[in-house]
Amino acid sequence: MWMLILESLAIGGLLGLTGAGGGILAVPALMASQGWTVAQAAPVGLLAVTLSALVGTFEGLFKRIVRYRAALWIALISIPSARYGVHLAGIISPVWLTLAFSLVMLLVAYRIFFNKVHDHENTLCKVNQTTGRLIWNMKTALSLGIIGMVAGLLTGLLGVGGGFVIVPAVRKVTDLDMRSIVATSLMIIFLIGGVSISALLQIG
């Protein structure tokens, strides 16, 4: 019981600071401490990450640093892929799910240690410097939509919040400041997590 509480505190703290990493820690932590498989740990980890993201979302909205249109758009596009990910998680062997999760963790580690300097001049989605909001056009909608599809699939399949994809991806395609990226990521994680949890409940 105490181990679960400590894990929850660590995951919530990391999620609030970075907007990412909660699920990528929650699932292996639950597997190690409880002896669960990926399929067993994923729903519990997803619930913890989603609730933590909700708290961060309210704080970001209060501070007016959440780009809520981007968050809603990414979350909307993620719904079909998140539900499909939940479906796949129910039919794929636990061995293959564990392998997929391991590959995702290796990718995250690679991005941390070999992260390139971000070039704001060549971003696909520009920000209005007067309002601080994204300038919406077809390129912006398409770029953010692709992020939503990938994040939704990983959330439904592996029970991770998708923040480890959302934060670097949004940082790469936009010139939003990091505070807005983190706050917006938390809202996206909450919305996608809610969709995935509802799909899990329907499956039972």
N, C-alpha and C. Protein backbone atom coordinates (compact mmCIF):
# COMPACT_ATOMS: atom_id res chain seq x y z
N MET A 1 0.83 -1.21 0.00
CA MET A 1 0.00 0.00 0.00
C MET A 1 0.87 1.26 0.00
N TRP A 2 1.87 1.28 0.92
CA TRP A 2 2.75 2.45 1.00
C TRP A 2 3.55 2.62 -0.29
N MET A 3 3.93 1.50 -0.91
CA MET A 3 4.67 1.56 -2.16
C MET A 3 3.82 2.22 -3.25
N LEU A 4 2.53 1.89 -3.30
CA LEU A 4 1.63 2.50 -4.28
C LEU A 4 1.50 3.99 -4.06
N ILE A 5 1.44 4.41 -2.79
CA ILE A 5 1.33 5.83 -2.46
C ILE A 5 2.59 6.58 -2.90
N LEU A 6 3.76 6.01 -2.60
CA LEU A 6 5.02 6.64 -3.00
C LEU A 6 5.14 6.73 -4.52
N GLU A 7 4.72 5.67 -5.20
CA GLU A 7 4.75 5.68 -6.66
C GLU A 7 3.83 6.76 -7.22
N SER A 8 2.65 6.90 -6.63
CA SER A 8 1.68 7.91 -7.08
C SER A 8 2.23 9.32 -6.91
N LEU A 9 2.89 9.58 -5.77
CA LEU A 9 3.47 10.89 -5.51
C LEU A 9 4.58 11.21 -6.50
N ALA A 10 5.43 10.23 -6.77
CA ALA A 10 6.53 10.44 -7.71
C ALA A 10 6.02 10.70 -9.12
N ILE A 11 5.03 9.92 -9.53
CA ILE A 11 4.46 10.06 -10.87
C ILE A 11 3.76 11.41 -11.02
N GLY A 12 2.97 11.78 -10.01
CA GLY A 12 2.28 13.07 -10.06
C GLY A 12 3.23 14.24 -10.10
N GLY A 13 4.32 14.16 -9.32
CA GLY A 13 5.31 15.23 -9.31
C GLY A 13 6.00 15.38 -10.65
N LEU A 14 6.40 14.26 -11.25
CA LEU A 14 7.06 14.31 -12.55
C LEU A 14 6.13 14.84 -13.63
N LEU A 15 4.89 14.41 -13.59
CA LEU A 15 3.91 14.84 -14.58
C LEU A 15 3.67 16.35 -14.49
N GLY A 16 3.56 16.86 -13.26
CA GLY A 16 3.33 18.29 -13.08
C GLY A 16 4.49 19.14 -13.52
N LEU A 17 5.72 18.64 -13.33
CA LEU A 17 6.91 19.40 -13.68
C LEU A 17 7.17 19.43 -15.18
N THR A 18 6.96 18.30 -15.84
CA THR A 18 7.36 18.18 -17.24
C THR A 18 6.22 18.02 -18.22
N GLY A 19 5.01 17.69 -17.72
CA GLY A 19 3.90 17.41 -18.63
C GLY A 19 4.03 16.07 -19.32
N ALA A 20 5.00 15.28 -18.90
CA ALA A 20 5.26 13.98 -19.54
C ALA A 20 5.92 13.05 -18.54
N GLY A 21 5.97 11.78 -18.91
CA GLY A 21 6.74 10.82 -18.13
C GLY A 21 5.98 10.09 -17.06
N GLY A 22 4.74 10.50 -16.76
CA GLY A 22 3.99 9.84 -15.70
C GLY A 22 3.69 8.38 -16.01
N GLY A 23 3.11 8.15 -17.18
CA GLY A 23 2.75 6.78 -17.56
C GLY A 23 3.95 5.91 -17.84
N ILE A 24 4.98 6.50 -18.41
CA ILE A 24 6.17 5.73 -18.74
C ILE A 24 6.88 5.25 -17.49
N LEU A 25 6.60 5.91 -16.35
CA LEU A 25 7.12 5.44 -15.06
C LEU A 25 6.11 4.58 -14.32
N ALA A 26 4.83 4.94 -14.43
CA ALA A 26 3.79 4.24 -13.66
C ALA A 26 3.71 2.77 -14.01
N VAL A 27 3.69 2.45 -15.29
CA VAL A 27 3.51 1.06 -15.71
C VAL A 27 4.66 0.16 -15.25
N PRO A 28 5.93 0.51 -15.53
CA PRO A 28 7.01 -0.37 -15.04
C PRO A 28 7.10 -0.41 -13.53
N ALA A 29 6.75 0.70 -12.85
CA ALA A 29 6.78 0.71 -11.39
C ALA A 29 5.76 -0.27 -10.82
N LEU A 30 4.57 -0.28 -11.39
CA LEU A 30 3.53 -1.22 -10.95
C LEU A 30 3.90 -2.66 -11.29
N MET A 31 4.53 -2.86 -12.43
CA MET A 31 4.96 -4.20 -12.80
C MET A 31 6.01 -4.73 -11.83
N ALA A 32 6.93 -3.84 -11.42
CA ALA A 32 8.01 -4.26 -10.52
C ALA A 32 7.52 -4.47 -9.09
N SER A 33 6.68 -3.54 -8.61
CA SER A 33 6.27 -3.59 -7.20
C SER A 33 5.12 -4.56 -6.95
N GLN A 34 4.23 -4.74 -7.95
CA GLN A 34 3.06 -5.58 -7.75
C GLN A 34 3.13 -6.92 -8.50
N GLY A 35 4.14 -7.06 -9.35
CA GLY A 35 4.26 -8.30 -10.11
C GLY A 35 3.23 -8.43 -11.21
N TRP A 36 2.72 -7.31 -11.71
CA TRP A 36 1.69 -7.32 -12.75
C TRP A 36 2.30 -7.39 -14.14
N THR A 37 1.48 -7.79 -15.12
CA THR A 37 1.86 -7.71 -16.52
C THR A 37 1.55 -6.30 -17.03
N VAL A 38 1.99 -6.00 -18.26
CA VAL A 38 1.68 -4.70 -18.86
C VAL A 38 0.17 -4.50 -18.95
N ALA A 39 -0.55 -5.55 -19.35
CA ALA A 39 -2.01 -5.46 -19.50
C ALA A 39 -2.69 -5.16 -18.18
N GLN A 40 -2.15 -5.68 -17.06
CA GLN A 40 -2.73 -5.43 -15.74
C GLN A 40 -2.36 -4.05 -15.20
N ALA A 41 -1.12 -3.65 -15.44
CA ALA A 41 -0.63 -2.38 -14.89
C ALA A 41 -1.13 -1.16 -15.66
N ALA A 42 -1.35 -1.33 -16.97
CA ALA A 42 -1.70 -0.20 -17.82
C ALA A 42 -2.96 0.56 -17.37
N PRO A 43 -4.09 -0.11 -17.09
CA PRO A 43 -5.28 0.64 -16.68
C PRO A 43 -5.10 1.42 -15.37
N VAL A 44 -4.40 0.81 -14.40
CA VAL A 44 -4.18 1.48 -13.11
C VAL A 44 -3.25 2.67 -13.30
N GLY A 45 -2.18 2.47 -14.06
CA GLY A 45 -1.26 3.57 -14.33
C GLY A 45 -1.93 4.70 -15.09
N LEU A 46 -2.78 4.33 -16.04
CA LEU A 46 -3.49 5.34 -16.83
C LEU A 46 -4.43 6.17 -15.96
N LEU A 47 -5.12 5.51 -15.03
CA LEU A 47 -6.02 6.23 -14.13
C LEU A 47 -5.25 7.22 -13.27
N ALA A 48 -4.10 6.79 -12.73
CA ALA A 48 -3.29 7.66 -11.89
C ALA A 48 -2.78 8.87 -12.67
N VAL A 49 -2.32 8.62 -13.89
CA VAL A 49 -1.79 9.70 -14.73
C VAL A 49 -2.90 10.67 -15.12
N THR A 50 -4.08 10.15 -15.46
CA THR A 50 -5.20 10.99 -15.88
C THR A 50 -5.66 11.91 -14.75
N LEU A 51 -5.76 11.38 -13.54
CA LEU A 51 -6.17 12.20 -12.40
C LEU A 51 -5.12 13.26 -12.07
N SER A 52 -3.85 12.90 -12.16
CA SER A 52 -2.78 13.88 -11.93
C SER A 52 -2.82 14.99 -12.97
N ALA A 53 -3.07 14.60 -14.23
CA ALA A 53 -3.14 15.58 -15.31
C ALA A 53 -4.32 16.53 -15.14
N LEU A 54 -5.41 16.05 -14.55
CA LEU A 54 -6.58 16.90 -14.31
C LEU A 54 -6.22 18.07 -13.39
N VAL A 55 -5.45 17.78 -12.35
CA VAL A 55 -5.03 18.84 -11.42
C VAL A 55 -4.18 19.87 -12.15
N GLY A 56 -3.23 19.39 -12.96
CA GLY A 56 -2.38 20.30 -13.71
C GLY A 56 -3.15 21.11 -14.74
N THR A 57 -4.19 20.51 -15.31
CA THR A 57 -5.02 21.21 -16.30
C THR A 57 -5.73 22.40 -15.68
N PHE A 58 -6.32 22.20 -14.51
CA PHE A 58 -7.01 23.30 -13.83
C PHE A 58 -6.04 24.43 -13.50
N GLU A 59 -4.84 24.07 -13.06
CA GLU A 59 -3.84 25.09 -12.73
C GLU A 59 -3.43 25.88 -13.97
N GLY A 60 -3.23 25.16 -15.09
CA GLY A 60 -2.85 25.83 -16.33
C GLY A 60 -3.94 26.73 -16.87
N LEU A 61 -5.19 26.29 -16.77
CA LEU A 61 -6.32 27.12 -17.21
C LEU A 61 -6.44 28.37 -16.35
N PHE A 62 -6.20 28.21 -15.05
CA PHE A 62 -6.27 29.35 -14.14
C PHE A 62 -5.19 30.38 -14.49
N LYS A 63 -4.01 29.91 -14.88
CA LYS A 63 -2.90 30.81 -15.23
C LYS A 63 -2.98 31.29 -16.68
N ARG A 64 -3.96 30.78 -17.44
CA ARG A 64 -4.17 31.16 -18.84
C ARG A 64 -2.98 30.82 -19.74
N ILE A 65 -2.33 29.69 -19.46
CA ILE A 65 -1.20 29.28 -20.29
C ILE A 65 -1.52 28.02 -21.10
N VAL A 66 -2.74 27.49 -20.95
CA VAL A 66 -3.15 26.33 -21.74
C VAL A 66 -3.66 26.78 -23.10
N ARG A 67 -3.15 26.21 -24.15
CA ARG A 67 -3.68 26.46 -25.49
C ARG A 67 -4.78 25.43 -25.71
N TYR A 68 -5.97 25.78 -25.21
CA TYR A 68 -7.05 24.79 -25.12
C TYR A 68 -7.59 24.36 -26.48
N ARG A 69 -7.53 25.22 -27.49
CA ARG A 69 -7.99 24.81 -28.82
C ARG A 69 -7.10 23.68 -29.36
N ALA A 70 -5.79 23.84 -29.18
CA ALA A 70 -4.86 22.79 -29.61
C ALA A 70 -5.10 21.51 -28.83
N ALA A 71 -5.32 21.64 -27.52
CA ALA A 71 -5.55 20.47 -26.67
C ALA A 71 -6.82 19.73 -27.10
N LEU A 72 -7.89 20.47 -27.34
CA LEU A 72 -9.16 19.86 -27.75
C LEU A 72 -9.04 19.19 -29.12
N TRP A 73 -8.32 19.84 -30.04
CA TRP A 73 -8.17 19.29 -31.38
C TRP A 73 -7.36 17.98 -31.34
N ILE A 74 -6.23 18.00 -30.64
CA ILE A 74 -5.39 16.80 -30.52
C ILE A 74 -6.17 15.67 -29.86
N ALA A 75 -6.90 16.01 -28.79
CA ALA A 75 -7.67 14.99 -28.07
C ALA A 75 -8.78 14.41 -28.96
N LEU A 76 -9.45 15.28 -29.73
CA LEU A 76 -10.52 14.83 -30.62
C LEU A 76 -10.00 13.84 -31.66
N ILE A 77 -8.86 14.18 -32.26
CA ILE A 77 -8.28 13.30 -33.28
C ILE A 77 -7.80 11.99 -32.66
N SER A 78 -7.44 12.04 -31.38
CA SER A 78 -6.89 10.84 -30.72
C SER A 78 -7.95 9.80 -30.36
N ILE A 79 -9.22 10.19 -30.33
CA ILE A 79 -10.27 9.29 -29.85
C ILE A 79 -10.31 7.96 -30.61
N PRO A 80 -10.36 7.96 -31.96
CA PRO A 80 -10.40 6.66 -32.66
C PRO A 80 -9.17 5.81 -32.40
N SER A 81 -7.98 6.43 -32.42
CA SER A 81 -6.76 5.65 -32.22
C SER A 81 -6.63 5.15 -30.79
N ALA A 82 -7.12 5.92 -29.81
CA ALA A 82 -7.08 5.48 -28.41
C ALA A 82 -7.98 4.26 -28.21
N ARG A 83 -9.17 4.31 -28.79
CA ARG A 83 -10.09 3.18 -28.66
C ARG A 83 -9.54 1.95 -29.39
N TYR A 84 -8.90 2.18 -30.52
CA TYR A 84 -8.28 1.07 -31.25
C TYR A 84 -7.12 0.48 -30.45
N GLY A 85 -6.36 1.35 -29.77
CA GLY A 85 -5.27 0.89 -28.93
C GLY A 85 -5.76 0.01 -27.79
N VAL A 86 -6.88 0.40 -27.18
CA VAL A 86 -7.49 -0.41 -26.12
C VAL A 86 -7.91 -1.77 -26.67
N HIS A 87 -8.49 -1.76 -27.87
CA HIS A 87 -8.89 -3.03 -28.51
C HIS A 87 -7.68 -3.93 -28.74
N LEU A 88 -6.60 -3.35 -29.26
CA LEU A 88 -5.39 -4.13 -29.52
C LEU A 88 -4.80 -4.69 -28.24
N ALA A 89 -4.83 -3.90 -27.16
CA ALA A 89 -4.27 -4.34 -25.88
C ALA A 89 -4.99 -5.58 -25.36
N GLY A 90 -6.26 -5.73 -25.73
CA GLY A 90 -7.04 -6.87 -25.27
C GLY A 90 -6.79 -8.15 -26.04
N ILE A 91 -6.19 -8.03 -27.22
CA ILE A 91 -5.99 -9.23 -28.05
C ILE A 91 -4.51 -9.58 -28.26
N ILE A 92 -3.62 -8.64 -27.96
CA ILE A 92 -2.19 -8.90 -28.15
C ILE A 92 -1.63 -9.63 -26.93
N SER A 93 -0.73 -10.54 -27.16
CA SER A 93 -0.10 -11.31 -26.09
C SER A 93 0.65 -10.39 -25.13
N PRO A 94 0.61 -10.66 -23.80
CA PRO A 94 1.36 -9.86 -22.83
C PRO A 94 2.85 -9.76 -23.15
N VAL A 95 3.39 -10.81 -23.75
CA VAL A 95 4.82 -10.81 -24.11
C VAL A 95 5.10 -9.72 -25.15
N TRP A 96 4.23 -9.63 -26.15
CA TRP A 96 4.41 -8.61 -27.19
C TRP A 96 4.15 -7.21 -26.65
N LEU A 97 3.20 -7.08 -25.74
CA LEU A 97 2.95 -5.78 -25.11
C LEU A 97 4.16 -5.32 -24.31
N THR A 98 4.77 -6.25 -23.58
CA THR A 98 5.96 -5.92 -22.81
C THR A 98 7.10 -5.50 -23.73
N LEU A 99 7.24 -6.21 -24.84
CA LEU A 99 8.27 -5.86 -25.82
C LEU A 99 8.03 -4.48 -26.41
N ALA A 100 6.77 -4.19 -26.76
CA ALA A 100 6.43 -2.88 -27.31
C ALA A 100 6.72 -1.78 -26.30
N PHE A 101 6.38 -2.04 -25.04
CA PHE A 101 6.63 -1.04 -24.00
C PHE A 101 8.12 -0.80 -23.83
N SER A 102 8.91 -1.87 -23.90
CA SER A 102 10.37 -1.75 -23.78
C SER A 102 10.94 -0.91 -24.91
N LEU A 103 10.44 -1.12 -26.12
CA LEU A 103 10.90 -0.35 -27.27
C LEU A 103 10.57 1.13 -27.12
N VAL A 104 9.38 1.41 -26.60
CA VAL A 104 8.98 2.80 -26.36
C VAL A 104 9.90 3.46 -25.34
N MET A 105 10.24 2.73 -24.28
CA MET A 105 11.13 3.26 -23.25
C MET A 105 12.53 3.53 -23.82
N LEU A 106 13.00 2.66 -24.71
CA LEU A 106 14.30 2.89 -25.35
C LEU A 106 14.26 4.15 -26.22
N LEU A 107 13.14 4.36 -26.91
CA LEU A 107 12.99 5.55 -27.74
C LEU A 107 13.00 6.81 -26.88
N VAL A 108 12.31 6.77 -25.75
CA VAL A 108 12.29 7.91 -24.83
C VAL A 108 13.70 8.20 -24.32
N ALA A 109 14.42 7.15 -23.93
CA ALA A 109 15.79 7.32 -23.44
C ALA A 109 16.69 7.93 -24.52
N TYR A 110 16.51 7.48 -25.75
CA TYR A 110 17.30 8.02 -26.87
C TYR A 110 17.05 9.51 -27.05
N ARG A 111 15.77 9.90 -26.98
CA ARG A 111 15.42 11.31 -27.18
C ARG A 111 15.96 12.17 -26.05
N ILE A 112 16.03 11.63 -24.84
CA ILE A 112 16.56 12.39 -23.71
C ILE A 112 18.05 12.65 -23.87
N PHE A 113 18.79 11.62 -24.27
CA PHE A 113 20.25 11.73 -24.33
C PHE A 113 20.77 12.31 -25.63
N PHE A 114 19.96 12.27 -26.69
CA PHE A 114 20.41 12.77 -27.98
C PHE A 114 19.46 13.83 -28.53
N ASN A 115 18.94 14.65 -27.64
CA ASN A 115 17.98 15.68 -28.03
C ASN A 115 18.68 16.83 -28.73
N LYS A 116 18.22 17.18 -29.91
CA LYS A 116 18.82 18.27 -30.67
C LYS A 116 18.27 19.62 -30.20
N VAL A 117 19.06 20.67 -30.45
CA VAL A 117 18.62 22.02 -30.11
C VAL A 117 17.44 22.40 -31.00
N HIS A 118 16.40 22.93 -30.38
CA HIS A 118 15.17 23.24 -31.13
C HIS A 118 15.34 24.54 -31.92
N ASP A 119 14.96 24.50 -33.20
CA ASP A 119 15.04 25.67 -34.08
C ASP A 119 13.65 26.27 -34.24
N HIS A 120 13.44 27.43 -33.60
CA HIS A 120 12.13 28.08 -33.65
C HIS A 120 11.83 28.68 -35.02
N GLU A 121 12.84 28.90 -35.84
CA GLU A 121 12.62 29.56 -37.12
C GLU A 121 11.91 28.66 -38.12
N ASN A 122 12.08 27.36 -37.99
CA ASN A 122 11.54 26.42 -38.99
C ASN A 122 10.37 25.60 -38.48
N THR A 123 9.65 26.12 -37.49
CA THR A 123 8.50 25.38 -36.97
C THR A 123 7.33 25.43 -37.96
N LEU A 124 6.53 24.37 -37.94
CA LEU A 124 5.38 24.29 -38.85
C LEU A 124 4.21 25.13 -38.37
N CYS A 125 4.04 25.24 -37.06
CA CYS A 125 2.89 25.94 -36.47
C CYS A 125 3.38 27.19 -35.75
N LYS A 126 3.02 28.34 -36.27
CA LYS A 126 3.51 29.60 -35.72
C LYS A 126 2.56 30.13 -34.65
N VAL A 127 3.12 30.94 -33.77
CA VAL A 127 2.37 31.58 -32.69
C VAL A 127 2.23 33.06 -32.98
N ASN A 128 1.03 33.59 -32.76
CA ASN A 128 0.80 35.03 -32.85
C ASN A 128 1.51 35.70 -31.67
N GLN A 129 2.51 36.49 -31.96
CA GLN A 129 3.33 37.07 -30.89
C GLN A 129 2.56 38.08 -30.04
N THR A 130 1.45 38.58 -30.56
CA THR A 130 0.64 39.54 -29.80
C THR A 130 -0.24 38.82 -28.77
N THR A 131 -0.88 37.75 -29.20
CA THR A 131 -1.81 37.03 -28.32
C THR A 131 -1.18 35.82 -27.63
N GLY A 132 -0.08 35.30 -28.18
CA GLY A 132 0.54 34.10 -27.63
C GLY A 132 -0.18 32.83 -28.04
N ARG A 133 -1.15 32.95 -28.95
CA ARG A 133 -1.92 31.79 -29.39
C ARG A 133 -1.44 31.30 -30.75
N LEU A 134 -1.72 30.03 -31.03
CA LEU A 134 -1.34 29.45 -32.31
C LEU A 134 -2.12 30.07 -33.45
N ILE A 135 -1.46 30.23 -34.58
CA ILE A 135 -2.12 30.69 -35.80
C ILE A 135 -2.66 29.45 -36.52
N TRP A 136 -3.98 29.34 -36.60
CA TRP A 136 -4.59 28.12 -37.13
C TRP A 136 -4.71 28.17 -38.65
N ASN A 137 -4.18 27.13 -39.30
CA ASN A 137 -4.33 26.91 -40.73
C ASN A 137 -4.26 25.40 -40.98
N MET A 138 -4.27 24.98 -42.24
CA MET A 138 -4.27 23.55 -42.55
C MET A 138 -3.01 22.86 -42.03
N LYS A 139 -1.87 23.54 -42.13
CA LYS A 139 -0.62 22.95 -41.67
C LYS A 139 -0.64 22.71 -40.17
N THR A 140 -1.18 23.67 -39.43
CA THR A 140 -1.27 23.53 -37.97
C THR A 140 -2.20 22.38 -37.60
N ALA A 141 -3.38 22.35 -38.23
CA ALA A 141 -4.35 21.30 -37.92
C ALA A 141 -3.81 19.92 -38.24
N LEU A 142 -3.12 19.77 -39.37
CA LEU A 142 -2.58 18.47 -39.78
C LEU A 142 -1.46 18.02 -38.84
N SER A 143 -0.55 18.94 -38.51
CA SER A 143 0.59 18.60 -37.64
C SER A 143 0.12 18.15 -36.27
N LEU A 144 -0.79 18.92 -35.68
CA LEU A 144 -1.28 18.57 -34.35
C LEU A 144 -2.17 17.33 -34.39
N GLY A 145 -2.87 17.13 -35.50
CA GLY A 145 -3.70 15.93 -35.64
C GLY A 145 -2.88 14.65 -35.65
N ILE A 146 -1.74 14.68 -36.32
CA ILE A 146 -0.85 13.51 -36.35
C ILE A 146 -0.34 13.19 -34.95
N ILE A 147 0.00 14.23 -34.20
CA ILE A 147 0.43 14.03 -32.80
C ILE A 147 -0.67 13.34 -32.01
N GLY A 148 -1.91 13.77 -32.22
CA GLY A 148 -3.04 13.18 -31.52
C GLY A 148 -3.24 11.71 -31.84
N MET A 149 -3.08 11.35 -33.11
CA MET A 149 -3.25 9.96 -33.52
C MET A 149 -2.23 9.05 -32.85
N VAL A 150 -0.96 9.48 -32.84
CA VAL A 150 0.11 8.66 -32.25
C VAL A 150 -0.06 8.57 -30.74
N ALA A 151 -0.33 9.71 -30.10
CA ALA A 151 -0.50 9.73 -28.64
C ALA A 151 -1.69 8.88 -28.21
N GLY A 152 -2.78 8.96 -28.95
CA GLY A 152 -3.97 8.17 -28.62
C GLY A 152 -3.72 6.68 -28.71
N LEU A 153 -3.03 6.25 -29.77
CA LEU A 153 -2.74 4.83 -29.94
C LEU A 153 -1.88 4.30 -28.79
N LEU A 154 -0.84 5.04 -28.43
CA LEU A 154 0.05 4.60 -27.35
C LEU A 154 -0.65 4.61 -26.00
N THR A 155 -1.54 5.58 -25.80
CA THR A 155 -2.28 5.65 -24.54
C THR A 155 -3.20 4.44 -24.40
N GLY A 156 -3.95 4.14 -25.43
CA GLY A 156 -4.87 3.00 -25.37
C GLY A 156 -4.16 1.67 -25.31
N LEU A 157 -3.05 1.55 -26.03
CA LEU A 157 -2.34 0.27 -26.13
C LEU A 157 -1.51 -0.05 -24.89
N LEU A 158 -0.76 0.96 -24.40
CA LEU A 158 0.23 0.70 -23.35
C LEU A 158 -0.12 1.34 -22.02
N GLY A 159 -1.17 2.16 -21.98
CA GLY A 159 -1.57 2.77 -20.71
C GLY A 159 -0.71 3.94 -20.30
N VAL A 160 0.10 4.44 -21.21
CA VAL A 160 0.91 5.63 -20.92
C VAL A 160 0.11 6.86 -21.32
N GLY A 161 0.40 7.97 -20.69
CA GLY A 161 -0.39 9.17 -20.96
C GLY A 161 -0.14 9.79 -22.31
N GLY A 162 0.99 9.44 -22.92
CA GLY A 162 1.32 10.02 -24.22
C GLY A 162 2.11 11.30 -24.12
N GLY A 163 2.35 11.78 -22.90
CA GLY A 163 3.08 13.04 -22.73
C GLY A 163 4.49 13.00 -23.26
N PHE A 164 5.13 11.83 -23.19
CA PHE A 164 6.49 11.70 -23.70
C PHE A 164 6.53 11.85 -25.22
N VAL A 165 5.38 11.68 -25.88
CA VAL A 165 5.26 11.95 -27.31
C VAL A 165 4.79 13.38 -27.53
N ILE A 166 3.79 13.80 -26.77
CA ILE A 166 3.15 15.09 -26.98
C ILE A 166 4.12 16.25 -26.76
N VAL A 167 4.83 16.25 -25.62
CA VAL A 167 5.69 17.39 -25.28
C VAL A 167 6.78 17.62 -26.33
N PRO A 168 7.63 16.62 -26.65
CA PRO A 168 8.65 16.88 -27.67
C PRO A 168 8.07 17.15 -29.06
N ALA A 169 6.94 16.51 -29.38
CA ALA A 169 6.34 16.71 -30.70
C ALA A 169 5.78 18.12 -30.84
N VAL A 170 5.04 18.59 -29.83
CA VAL A 170 4.50 19.95 -29.87
C VAL A 170 5.63 20.97 -29.86
N ARG A 171 6.69 20.67 -29.11
CA ARG A 171 7.85 21.56 -29.07
C ARG A 171 8.53 21.65 -30.43
N LYS A 172 8.51 20.53 -31.16
CA LYS A 172 9.17 20.50 -32.46
C LYS A 172 8.37 21.24 -33.53
N VAL A 173 7.04 21.12 -33.51
CA VAL A 173 6.23 21.68 -34.60
C VAL A 173 5.70 23.08 -34.30
N THR A 174 5.83 23.56 -33.06
CA THR A 174 5.35 24.90 -32.72
C THR A 174 6.47 25.71 -32.07
N ASP A 175 6.25 27.01 -31.96
CA ASP A 175 7.19 27.85 -31.21
C ASP A 175 6.54 28.37 -29.93
N LEU A 176 5.66 27.55 -29.34
CA LEU A 176 5.10 27.86 -28.02
C LEU A 176 6.21 27.81 -26.98
N ASP A 177 6.06 28.60 -25.91
CA ASP A 177 7.03 28.52 -24.82
C ASP A 177 6.78 27.25 -24.02
N MET A 178 7.79 26.83 -23.27
CA MET A 178 7.73 25.53 -22.60
C MET A 178 6.61 25.46 -21.57
N ARG A 179 6.31 26.57 -20.89
CA ARG A 179 5.23 26.56 -19.89
C ARG A 179 3.90 26.23 -20.55
N SER A 180 3.64 26.82 -21.71
CA SER A 180 2.40 26.54 -22.42
C SER A 180 2.36 25.11 -22.94
N ILE A 181 3.50 24.61 -23.40
CA ILE A 181 3.56 23.24 -23.91
C ILE A 181 3.23 22.24 -22.80
N VAL A 182 3.83 22.43 -21.62
CA VAL A 182 3.59 21.52 -20.50
C VAL A 182 2.13 21.57 -20.07
N ALA A 183 1.59 22.79 -19.91
CA ALA A 183 0.20 22.94 -19.47
C ALA A 183 -0.77 22.36 -20.49
N THR A 184 -0.52 22.61 -21.77
CA THR A 184 -1.38 22.08 -22.83
C THR A 184 -1.28 20.56 -22.89
N SER A 185 -0.06 20.04 -22.70
CA SER A 185 0.14 18.59 -22.69
C SER A 185 -0.67 17.93 -21.58
N LEU A 186 -0.72 18.55 -20.41
CA LEU A 186 -1.48 17.99 -19.30
C LEU A 186 -2.97 17.91 -19.62
N MET A 187 -3.50 18.94 -20.30
CA MET A 187 -4.91 18.90 -20.68
C MET A 187 -5.15 17.79 -21.71
N ILE A 188 -4.23 17.64 -22.65
CA ILE A 188 -4.36 16.58 -23.66
C ILE A 188 -4.33 15.21 -23.00
N ILE A 189 -3.38 15.02 -22.07
CA ILE A 189 -3.26 13.74 -21.36
C ILE A 189 -4.55 13.41 -20.61
N PHE A 190 -5.12 14.43 -19.96
CA PHE A 190 -6.37 14.22 -19.23
C PHE A 190 -7.49 13.81 -20.17
N LEU A 191 -7.62 14.49 -21.31
CA LEU A 191 -8.71 14.20 -22.25
C LEU A 191 -8.53 12.82 -22.89
N ILE A 192 -7.32 12.53 -23.37
CA ILE A 192 -7.08 11.22 -23.99
C ILE A 192 -7.22 10.10 -22.97
N GLY A 193 -6.70 10.35 -21.76
CA GLY A 193 -6.82 9.34 -20.70
C GLY A 193 -8.26 9.05 -20.36
N GLY A 194 -9.09 10.09 -20.33
CA GLY A 194 -10.51 9.90 -20.05
C GLY A 194 -11.19 9.04 -21.10
N VAL A 195 -10.85 9.27 -22.37
CA VAL A 195 -11.41 8.47 -23.47
C VAL A 195 -10.99 7.01 -23.33
N SER A 196 -9.70 6.79 -23.05
CA SER A 196 -9.18 5.43 -22.93
C SER A 196 -9.79 4.69 -21.75
N ILE A 197 -9.95 5.39 -20.63
CA ILE A 197 -10.55 4.77 -19.44
C ILE A 197 -12.00 4.38 -19.71
N SER A 198 -12.74 5.26 -20.41
CA SER A 198 -14.14 4.93 -20.74
C SER A 198 -14.22 3.72 -21.65
N ALA A 199 -13.25 3.61 -22.58
CA ALA A 199 -13.22 2.44 -23.47
C ALA A 199 -12.90 1.17 -22.69
N LEU A 200 -11.99 1.28 -21.72
CA LEU A 200 -11.66 0.13 -20.88
C LEU A 200 -12.86 -0.32 -20.05
N LEU A 201 -13.62 0.64 -19.54
CA LEU A 201 -14.80 0.31 -18.74
C LEU A 201 -15.86 -0.39 -19.58
N GLN A 202 -15.99 0.03 -20.84
CA GLN A 202 -16.97 -0.60 -21.72
C GLN A 202 -16.59 -2.04 -22.03
N ILE A 203 -15.27 -2.26 -22.18
CA ILE A 203 -14.80 -3.62 -22.45
C ILE A 203 -14.93 -4.49 -21.21
N GLY A 204 -14.73 -3.84 -20.03
CA GLY A 204 -14.85 -4.57 -18.77
C GLY A 204 -13.53 -5.16 -18.35
